[in-house]
Amino acid sequence: MTENEIAYEIVGACLDLHREVGPGLLESAYESALAYEIRQRELEVKRQCSMPFHYKTVKMEVGYKIDLLVEGKVIIELKSVEELHPVHYAQTLTYLKLSNLKLALLINFNEKLIKNGIHRIVNNL
């Protein structure tokens, strides 16, 4: 599957999840439930994937973790906040750059309409 096809399935999973539970839960609850929804679509999903930081020739384990990684191609960064800030977009783009992946979805579940909380972030390698 392409990144766009995977993203389409992820968005569908987000719509189903948000329709079922709405806004107001903790980020960890959305992460667990979204991973379940994605697996129901027969896609591989990994939770809390370590993201090493390479500086020059040294691999540094500094505690970066991707919330969800789908099919090894699309990063999902989940939030449950009043509003997204520039730092959330920067964090997601940094994860893309560190992983050499092309597409991430930054998703804020604390929205009345989930479509307003889904943002595509693209790494222009």
N, C-alpha and C. Protein backbone atom coordinates (compact mmCIF):
# COMPACT_ATOMS: atom_id res chain seq x y z
N MET A 1 0.83 -1.19 0.00
CA MET A 1 0.00 0.00 0.00
C MET A 1 0.88 1.26 0.00
N THR A 2 0.40 2.28 -0.64
CA THR A 2 1.11 3.56 -0.63
C THR A 2 0.81 4.30 0.67
N GLU A 3 1.60 5.32 0.94
CA GLU A 3 1.37 6.15 2.12
C GLU A 3 -0.02 6.76 2.11
N ASN A 4 -0.47 7.21 0.95
CA ASN A 4 -1.79 7.82 0.85
C ASN A 4 -2.90 6.81 1.11
N GLU A 5 -2.74 5.59 0.64
CA GLU A 5 -3.74 4.55 0.90
C GLU A 5 -3.80 4.21 2.38
N ILE A 6 -2.63 4.14 3.00
CA ILE A 6 -2.57 3.88 4.44
C ILE A 6 -3.23 5.02 5.21
N ALA A 7 -2.91 6.26 4.82
CA ALA A 7 -3.49 7.44 5.49
C ALA A 7 -5.00 7.44 5.36
N TYR A 8 -5.52 7.02 4.23
CA TYR A 8 -6.98 6.95 4.03
C TYR A 8 -7.60 6.01 5.05
N GLU A 9 -6.99 4.85 5.27
CA GLU A 9 -7.48 3.88 6.24
C GLU A 9 -7.38 4.43 7.67
N ILE A 10 -6.29 5.14 7.96
CA ILE A 10 -6.10 5.72 9.28
C ILE A 10 -7.19 6.76 9.56
N VAL A 11 -7.45 7.61 8.59
CA VAL A 11 -8.50 8.62 8.76
C VAL A 11 -9.85 7.96 9.01
N GLY A 12 -10.15 6.90 8.29
CA GLY A 12 -11.39 6.15 8.53
C GLY A 12 -11.45 5.60 9.94
N ALA A 13 -10.32 5.09 10.43
CA ALA A 13 -10.26 4.57 11.80
C ALA A 13 -10.48 5.70 12.80
N CYS A 14 -9.91 6.87 12.53
CA CYS A 14 -10.09 8.03 13.42
C CYS A 14 -11.55 8.46 13.46
N LEU A 15 -12.19 8.48 12.32
CA LEU A 15 -13.61 8.86 12.26
C LEU A 15 -14.45 7.89 13.07
N ASP A 16 -14.21 6.59 12.90
CA ASP A 16 -14.97 5.58 13.65
C ASP A 16 -14.75 5.74 15.16
N LEU A 17 -13.50 5.91 15.56
CA LEU A 17 -13.17 6.04 16.98
C LEU A 17 -13.81 7.29 17.57
N HIS A 18 -13.66 8.41 16.90
CA HIS A 18 -14.19 9.67 17.42
C HIS A 18 -15.72 9.65 17.47
N ARG A 19 -16.33 9.03 16.48
CA ARG A 19 -17.79 8.90 16.46
C ARG A 19 -18.26 8.09 17.68
N GLU A 20 -17.46 7.11 18.06
CA GLU A 20 -17.82 6.21 19.17
C GLU A 20 -17.62 6.87 20.54
N VAL A 21 -16.49 7.58 20.74
CA VAL A 21 -16.16 8.06 22.09
C VAL A 21 -16.10 9.58 22.21
N GLY A 22 -15.93 10.30 21.09
CA GLY A 22 -15.87 11.76 21.13
C GLY A 22 -14.60 12.30 21.74
N PRO A 23 -14.56 13.62 21.99
CA PRO A 23 -13.38 14.24 22.59
C PRO A 23 -13.36 14.06 24.11
N GLY A 24 -12.21 14.39 24.72
CA GLY A 24 -12.14 14.45 26.17
C GLY A 24 -11.39 13.34 26.87
N LEU A 25 -10.95 12.31 26.14
CA LEU A 25 -10.20 11.23 26.78
C LEU A 25 -8.71 11.58 26.83
N LEU A 26 -7.96 10.79 27.56
CA LEU A 26 -6.51 10.94 27.58
C LEU A 26 -5.91 10.45 26.27
N GLU A 27 -4.77 11.01 25.92
CA GLU A 27 -4.06 10.61 24.70
C GLU A 27 -3.81 9.10 24.68
N SER A 28 -3.43 8.53 25.81
CA SER A 28 -3.12 7.10 25.87
C SER A 28 -4.34 6.24 25.53
N ALA A 29 -5.53 6.69 25.91
CA ALA A 29 -6.75 5.95 25.58
C ALA A 29 -6.99 5.97 24.07
N TYR A 30 -6.82 7.14 23.46
CA TYR A 30 -6.98 7.22 22.00
C TYR A 30 -5.93 6.38 21.28
N GLU A 31 -4.71 6.38 21.80
CA GLU A 31 -3.64 5.60 21.17
C GLU A 31 -4.00 4.12 21.16
N SER A 32 -4.43 3.61 22.29
CA SER A 32 -4.78 2.20 22.40
C SER A 32 -5.96 1.85 21.48
N ALA A 33 -6.99 2.68 21.51
CA ALA A 33 -8.19 2.41 20.71
C ALA A 33 -7.91 2.57 19.22
N LEU A 34 -7.10 3.57 18.85
CA LEU A 34 -6.79 3.76 17.43
C LEU A 34 -5.94 2.60 16.91
N ALA A 35 -5.02 2.12 17.70
CA ALA A 35 -4.23 0.95 17.30
C ALA A 35 -5.16 -0.24 17.03
N TYR A 36 -6.14 -0.43 17.90
CA TYR A 36 -7.13 -1.49 17.71
C TYR A 36 -7.88 -1.29 16.39
N GLU A 37 -8.38 -0.09 16.15
CA GLU A 37 -9.14 0.20 14.92
C GLU A 37 -8.30 -0.04 13.66
N ILE A 38 -7.05 0.34 13.72
CA ILE A 38 -6.16 0.15 12.57
C ILE A 38 -5.92 -1.34 12.33
N ARG A 39 -5.72 -2.10 13.40
CA ARG A 39 -5.53 -3.54 13.25
C ARG A 39 -6.78 -4.21 12.67
N GLN A 40 -7.95 -3.69 13.01
CA GLN A 40 -9.20 -4.22 12.45
C GLN A 40 -9.25 -4.05 10.94
N ARG A 41 -8.49 -3.10 10.42
CA ARG A 41 -8.40 -2.88 8.98
C ARG A 41 -7.26 -3.70 8.37
N GLU A 42 -6.73 -4.63 9.15
CA GLU A 42 -5.67 -5.55 8.76
C GLU A 42 -4.39 -4.85 8.33
N LEU A 43 -4.06 -3.79 9.06
CA LEU A 43 -2.80 -3.09 8.86
C LEU A 43 -1.91 -3.32 10.07
N GLU A 44 -0.62 -3.38 9.83
CA GLU A 44 0.34 -3.54 10.92
C GLU A 44 0.52 -2.19 11.62
N VAL A 45 0.45 -2.21 12.93
CA VAL A 45 0.66 -0.98 13.70
C VAL A 45 1.54 -1.30 14.90
N LYS A 46 2.52 -0.43 15.11
CA LYS A 46 3.41 -0.55 16.27
C LYS A 46 3.20 0.68 17.14
N ARG A 47 3.19 0.44 18.46
CA ARG A 47 2.99 1.53 19.42
C ARG A 47 4.29 1.90 20.10
N GLN A 48 4.47 3.19 20.37
CA GLN A 48 5.60 3.71 21.13
C GLN A 48 6.94 3.21 20.60
N CYS A 49 7.15 3.40 19.31
CA CYS A 49 8.40 2.98 18.65
C CYS A 49 9.53 3.94 19.02
N SER A 50 10.64 3.39 19.46
CA SER A 50 11.81 4.21 19.78
C SER A 50 12.35 4.85 18.52
N MET A 51 12.77 6.10 18.67
CA MET A 51 13.31 6.86 17.56
C MET A 51 14.71 7.33 17.95
N PRO A 52 15.76 6.61 17.50
CA PRO A 52 17.11 7.06 17.87
C PRO A 52 17.47 8.35 17.14
N PHE A 53 18.37 9.08 17.74
CA PHE A 53 18.88 10.32 17.18
C PHE A 53 20.34 10.09 16.85
N HIS A 54 20.71 10.24 15.59
CA HIS A 54 22.10 10.07 15.17
C HIS A 54 22.75 11.44 15.04
N TYR A 55 23.82 11.62 15.77
CA TYR A 55 24.58 12.86 15.67
C TYR A 55 26.00 12.51 15.25
N LYS A 56 26.33 12.97 14.06
CA LYS A 56 27.60 12.62 13.43
C LYS A 56 27.68 11.10 13.33
N THR A 57 28.58 10.46 14.05
CA THR A 57 28.70 9.00 13.95
C THR A 57 28.18 8.30 15.20
N VAL A 58 27.51 9.04 16.07
CA VAL A 58 27.06 8.47 17.35
C VAL A 58 25.55 8.32 17.36
N LYS A 59 25.10 7.12 17.71
CA LYS A 59 23.67 6.87 17.90
C LYS A 59 23.31 7.16 19.34
N MET A 60 22.39 8.12 19.53
CA MET A 60 22.02 8.53 20.87
C MET A 60 20.59 8.10 21.17
N GLU A 61 20.43 7.41 22.26
CA GLU A 61 19.09 7.02 22.71
C GLU A 61 18.61 8.11 23.65
N VAL A 62 17.80 9.02 23.12
CA VAL A 62 17.39 10.17 23.93
C VAL A 62 15.91 10.15 24.29
N GLY A 63 15.24 9.08 24.02
CA GLY A 63 13.88 8.93 24.49
C GLY A 63 12.78 9.37 23.55
N TYR A 64 13.11 9.65 22.28
CA TYR A 64 12.05 9.97 21.33
C TYR A 64 11.23 8.72 21.06
N LYS A 65 9.91 8.88 21.05
CA LYS A 65 9.02 7.74 20.77
C LYS A 65 7.92 8.19 19.84
N ILE A 66 7.73 7.41 18.78
CA ILE A 66 6.61 7.63 17.86
C ILE A 66 5.38 6.99 18.49
N ASP A 67 4.27 7.71 18.53
CA ASP A 67 3.05 7.14 19.11
C ASP A 67 2.64 5.88 18.37
N LEU A 68 2.41 5.99 17.07
CA LEU A 68 2.03 4.84 16.25
C LEU A 68 2.77 4.88 14.92
N LEU A 69 3.18 3.71 14.46
CA LEU A 69 3.80 3.56 13.14
C LEU A 69 2.99 2.51 12.40
N VAL A 70 2.43 2.89 11.25
CA VAL A 70 1.54 2.01 10.50
C VAL A 70 2.24 1.52 9.24
N GLU A 71 2.27 0.18 9.11
CA GLU A 71 2.87 -0.47 7.95
C GLU A 71 4.32 -0.05 7.72
N GLY A 72 4.97 0.45 8.75
CA GLY A 72 6.36 0.90 8.63
C GLY A 72 6.52 2.11 7.73
N LYS A 73 5.40 2.78 7.39
CA LYS A 73 5.44 3.88 6.42
C LYS A 73 4.85 5.19 6.90
N VAL A 74 3.87 5.14 7.78
CA VAL A 74 3.15 6.36 8.18
C VAL A 74 3.22 6.50 9.70
N ILE A 75 3.69 7.67 10.13
CA ILE A 75 3.76 8.00 11.55
C ILE A 75 2.45 8.66 11.97
N ILE A 76 1.97 8.29 13.14
CA ILE A 76 0.82 8.97 13.73
C ILE A 76 1.28 9.57 15.05
N GLU A 77 1.15 10.88 15.15
CA GLU A 77 1.44 11.58 16.40
C GLU A 77 0.10 12.03 16.97
N LEU A 78 -0.26 11.49 18.13
CA LEU A 78 -1.56 11.75 18.73
C LEU A 78 -1.49 12.82 19.81
N LYS A 79 -2.53 13.63 19.84
CA LYS A 79 -2.67 14.64 20.88
C LYS A 79 -4.12 14.65 21.34
N SER A 80 -4.31 15.11 22.57
CA SER A 80 -5.64 15.38 23.09
C SER A 80 -5.52 16.67 23.88
N VAL A 81 -5.45 17.78 23.12
CA VAL A 81 -5.17 19.09 23.71
C VAL A 81 -6.20 20.11 23.24
N GLU A 82 -6.25 21.22 23.96
CA GLU A 82 -7.18 22.29 23.61
C GLU A 82 -6.96 22.78 22.18
N GLU A 83 -5.68 22.99 21.83
CA GLU A 83 -5.35 23.37 20.46
C GLU A 83 -3.92 22.97 20.16
N LEU A 84 -3.65 22.69 18.89
CA LEU A 84 -2.30 22.36 18.47
C LEU A 84 -1.48 23.64 18.37
N HIS A 85 -0.19 23.51 18.68
CA HIS A 85 0.74 24.63 18.61
C HIS A 85 1.85 24.31 17.62
N PRO A 86 2.59 25.31 17.18
CA PRO A 86 3.68 25.06 16.22
C PRO A 86 4.66 23.98 16.67
N VAL A 87 4.89 23.85 17.96
CA VAL A 87 5.81 22.83 18.45
C VAL A 87 5.31 21.42 18.12
N HIS A 88 4.00 21.20 18.08
CA HIS A 88 3.46 19.88 17.74
C HIS A 88 3.77 19.53 16.28
N TYR A 89 3.63 20.51 15.40
CA TYR A 89 3.96 20.29 13.99
C TYR A 89 5.46 20.05 13.83
N ALA A 90 6.27 20.84 14.54
CA ALA A 90 7.72 20.70 14.45
C ALA A 90 8.17 19.33 14.96
N GLN A 91 7.58 18.87 16.05
CA GLN A 91 7.91 17.56 16.60
C GLN A 91 7.60 16.46 15.59
N THR A 92 6.45 16.55 14.96
CA THR A 92 6.05 15.53 13.99
C THR A 92 6.97 15.54 12.78
N LEU A 93 7.31 16.72 12.30
CA LEU A 93 8.24 16.81 11.16
C LEU A 93 9.61 16.28 11.53
N THR A 94 10.05 16.53 12.75
CA THR A 94 11.34 16.00 13.21
C THR A 94 11.32 14.47 13.20
N TYR A 95 10.24 13.86 13.66
CA TYR A 95 10.13 12.41 13.62
C TYR A 95 10.22 11.89 12.19
N LEU A 96 9.59 12.59 11.26
CA LEU A 96 9.68 12.19 9.86
C LEU A 96 11.13 12.25 9.37
N LYS A 97 11.80 13.34 9.68
CA LYS A 97 13.18 13.50 9.22
C LYS A 97 14.10 12.45 9.84
N LEU A 98 13.95 12.20 11.14
CA LEU A 98 14.80 11.21 11.80
C LEU A 98 14.56 9.80 11.27
N SER A 99 13.35 9.53 10.83
CA SER A 99 13.01 8.18 10.37
C SER A 99 13.15 8.02 8.86
N ASN A 100 13.38 9.12 8.14
CA ASN A 100 13.43 9.10 6.67
C ASN A 100 12.14 8.61 6.04
N LEU A 101 11.03 8.86 6.71
CA LEU A 101 9.73 8.52 6.15
C LEU A 101 9.13 9.76 5.50
N LYS A 102 8.09 9.55 4.69
CA LYS A 102 7.51 10.63 3.90
C LYS A 102 6.28 11.28 4.52
N LEU A 103 5.48 10.51 5.27
CA LEU A 103 4.18 11.02 5.69
C LEU A 103 3.89 10.75 7.16
N ALA A 104 3.34 11.76 7.81
CA ALA A 104 2.85 11.61 9.18
C ALA A 104 1.48 12.27 9.28
N LEU A 105 0.70 11.78 10.21
CA LEU A 105 -0.57 12.41 10.54
C LEU A 105 -0.49 12.89 11.99
N LEU A 106 -0.69 14.17 12.18
CA LEU A 106 -0.78 14.76 13.51
C LEU A 106 -2.26 14.87 13.81
N ILE A 107 -2.70 14.16 14.83
CA ILE A 107 -4.14 14.05 15.10
C ILE A 107 -4.45 14.52 16.51
N ASN A 108 -5.31 15.53 16.60
CA ASN A 108 -5.80 16.02 17.89
C ASN A 108 -7.23 15.54 18.07
N PHE A 109 -7.43 14.60 18.98
CA PHE A 109 -8.76 14.04 19.21
C PHE A 109 -9.65 14.95 20.04
N ASN A 110 -9.10 16.01 20.60
CA ASN A 110 -9.90 16.90 21.43
C ASN A 110 -10.57 17.99 20.58
N GLU A 111 -11.26 17.56 19.57
CA GLU A 111 -11.99 18.44 18.64
C GLU A 111 -13.44 17.98 18.58
N LYS A 112 -14.34 18.92 18.42
CA LYS A 112 -15.75 18.56 18.27
C LYS A 112 -15.94 17.76 16.99
N LEU A 113 -15.30 18.19 15.91
CA LEU A 113 -15.30 17.46 14.64
C LEU A 113 -13.88 16.98 14.39
N ILE A 114 -13.68 15.68 14.35
CA ILE A 114 -12.34 15.12 14.23
C ILE A 114 -11.65 15.55 12.94
N LYS A 115 -12.43 15.83 11.89
CA LYS A 115 -11.80 16.25 10.63
C LYS A 115 -10.99 17.53 10.83
N ASN A 116 -11.35 18.36 11.81
CA ASN A 116 -10.59 19.57 12.10
C ASN A 116 -9.31 19.28 12.87
N GLY A 117 -9.17 18.06 13.38
CA GLY A 117 -8.00 17.69 14.17
C GLY A 117 -6.99 16.84 13.43
N ILE A 118 -7.23 16.54 12.15
CA ILE A 118 -6.32 15.67 11.39
C ILE A 118 -5.49 16.52 10.44
N HIS A 119 -4.16 16.42 10.60
CA HIS A 119 -3.23 17.23 9.80
C HIS A 119 -2.16 16.34 9.17
N ARG A 120 -1.99 16.49 7.87
CA ARG A 120 -0.94 15.76 7.14
C ARG A 120 0.35 16.55 7.22
N ILE A 121 1.43 15.87 7.55
CA ILE A 121 2.76 16.47 7.58
C ILE A 121 3.60 15.66 6.61
N VAL A 122 4.25 16.35 5.66
CA VAL A 122 5.02 15.67 4.62
C VAL A 122 6.48 16.04 4.75
N ASN A 123 7.33 15.03 4.65
CA ASN A 123 8.77 15.20 4.66
C ASN A 123 9.22 15.28 3.20
N ASN A 124 9.72 16.42 2.81
CA ASN A 124 10.17 16.61 1.42
C ASN A 124 11.58 16.12 1.20
N LEU A 125 11.98 15.10 1.95
CA LEU A 125 13.29 14.47 1.86
C LEU A 125 14.20 15.34 1.05
